[in-house]
Amino acid sequence: MDIFKLKLIALLAMILDHIAYFFPNIPMALIFHWIGRISAPIFIFGVVNSMQYTSSKIKYLCRLYFF
């Protein structure tokens, strides 16, 4: 599985978490929150994994900080 597919999974999990946040009265809200919690570790893994492919780690970290 490549990083693009992982990002799509994290994006869908984050969307479910946001649905549960904006519509708290739906019956699946608690389940959506638990599914959404997986998105942050996946995105952090993508950031850490991309550190090995950059030519300048300092510039990369500066771009992450500013954005």
Protein backbone atom coordinates (compact mmCIF):
# COMPACT_ATOMS: atom_id res chain seq x y z
CA MET A 1 0.00 0.00 0.00
CA ASP A 2 1.46 3.34 -0.99
CA ILE A 3 1.21 6.63 0.86
CA PHE A 4 -1.52 7.96 -1.46
CA LYS A 5 -3.90 5.16 -0.47
CA LEU A 6 -3.08 5.73 3.19
CA LYS A 7 -3.86 9.43 2.78
CA LEU A 8 -7.21 8.59 1.19
CA ILE A 9 -8.06 6.28 4.10
CA ALA A 10 -7.09 9.01 6.55
CA LEU A 11 -9.13 11.57 4.62
CA LEU A 12 -12.25 9.40 4.70
CA ALA A 13 -11.75 8.73 8.42
CA MET A 14 -11.39 12.46 9.05
CA ILE A 15 -14.57 13.19 7.10
CA LEU A 16 -16.46 10.67 9.24
CA ASP A 17 -15.10 12.30 12.38
CA HIS A 18 -16.21 15.73 11.17
CA ILE A 19 -19.68 14.40 10.33
CA ALA A 20 -19.97 13.09 13.88
CA TYR A 21 -18.79 16.45 15.23
CA PHE A 22 -21.29 18.55 13.27
CA PHE A 23 -24.21 16.12 13.66
CA PRO A 24 -23.84 14.76 17.23
CA ASN A 25 -27.38 13.37 17.39
CA ILE A 26 -26.92 10.71 14.74
CA PRO A 27 -26.84 7.18 16.15
CA MET A 28 -23.40 6.35 14.71
CA ALA A 29 -21.64 9.45 16.13
CA LEU A 30 -19.53 7.59 18.68
CA ILE A 31 -18.40 5.03 16.11
CA PHE A 32 -17.54 7.80 13.64
CA HIS A 33 -15.41 9.50 16.31
CA TRP A 34 -13.47 6.29 16.94
CA ILE A 35 -12.92 5.72 13.22
CA GLY A 36 -11.78 9.32 12.82
CA ARG A 37 -9.07 8.95 15.45
CA ILE A 38 -6.97 6.87 13.05
CA SER A 39 -6.43 9.80 10.67
CA ALA A 40 -3.86 11.71 12.75
CA PRO A 41 -1.39 8.80 13.13
CA ILE A 42 -1.63 8.08 9.41
CA PHE A 43 -0.87 11.69 8.49
CA ILE A 44 2.00 11.80 11.01
CA PHE A 45 3.39 8.61 9.48
CA GLY A 46 3.25 10.29 6.05
CA VAL A 47 5.18 13.30 7.32
CA VAL A 48 7.84 11.19 8.99
CA ASN A 49 8.08 8.84 6.03
CA SER A 50 8.59 11.70 3.58
CA MET A 51 11.56 12.98 5.60
CA GLN A 52 13.73 10.30 4.01
CA TYR A 53 12.87 11.44 0.47
CA THR A 54 13.63 15.13 0.84
CA SER A 55 16.97 16.64 -0.07
CA SER A 56 16.92 19.28 2.67
CA LYS A 57 15.35 18.29 5.96
CA ILE A 58 15.61 21.83 7.34
CA LYS A 59 13.67 23.34 4.42
CA TYR A 60 11.10 20.57 4.65
CA LEU A 61 10.52 21.18 8.36
CA CYS A 62 10.30 24.93 7.78
CA ARG A 63 7.64 24.41 5.11
CA LEU A 64 5.66 22.18 7.46
CA TYR A 65 5.93 24.74 10.23
CA PHE A 66 4.81 27.67 8.09
CA PHE A 67 1.91 25.83 6.46
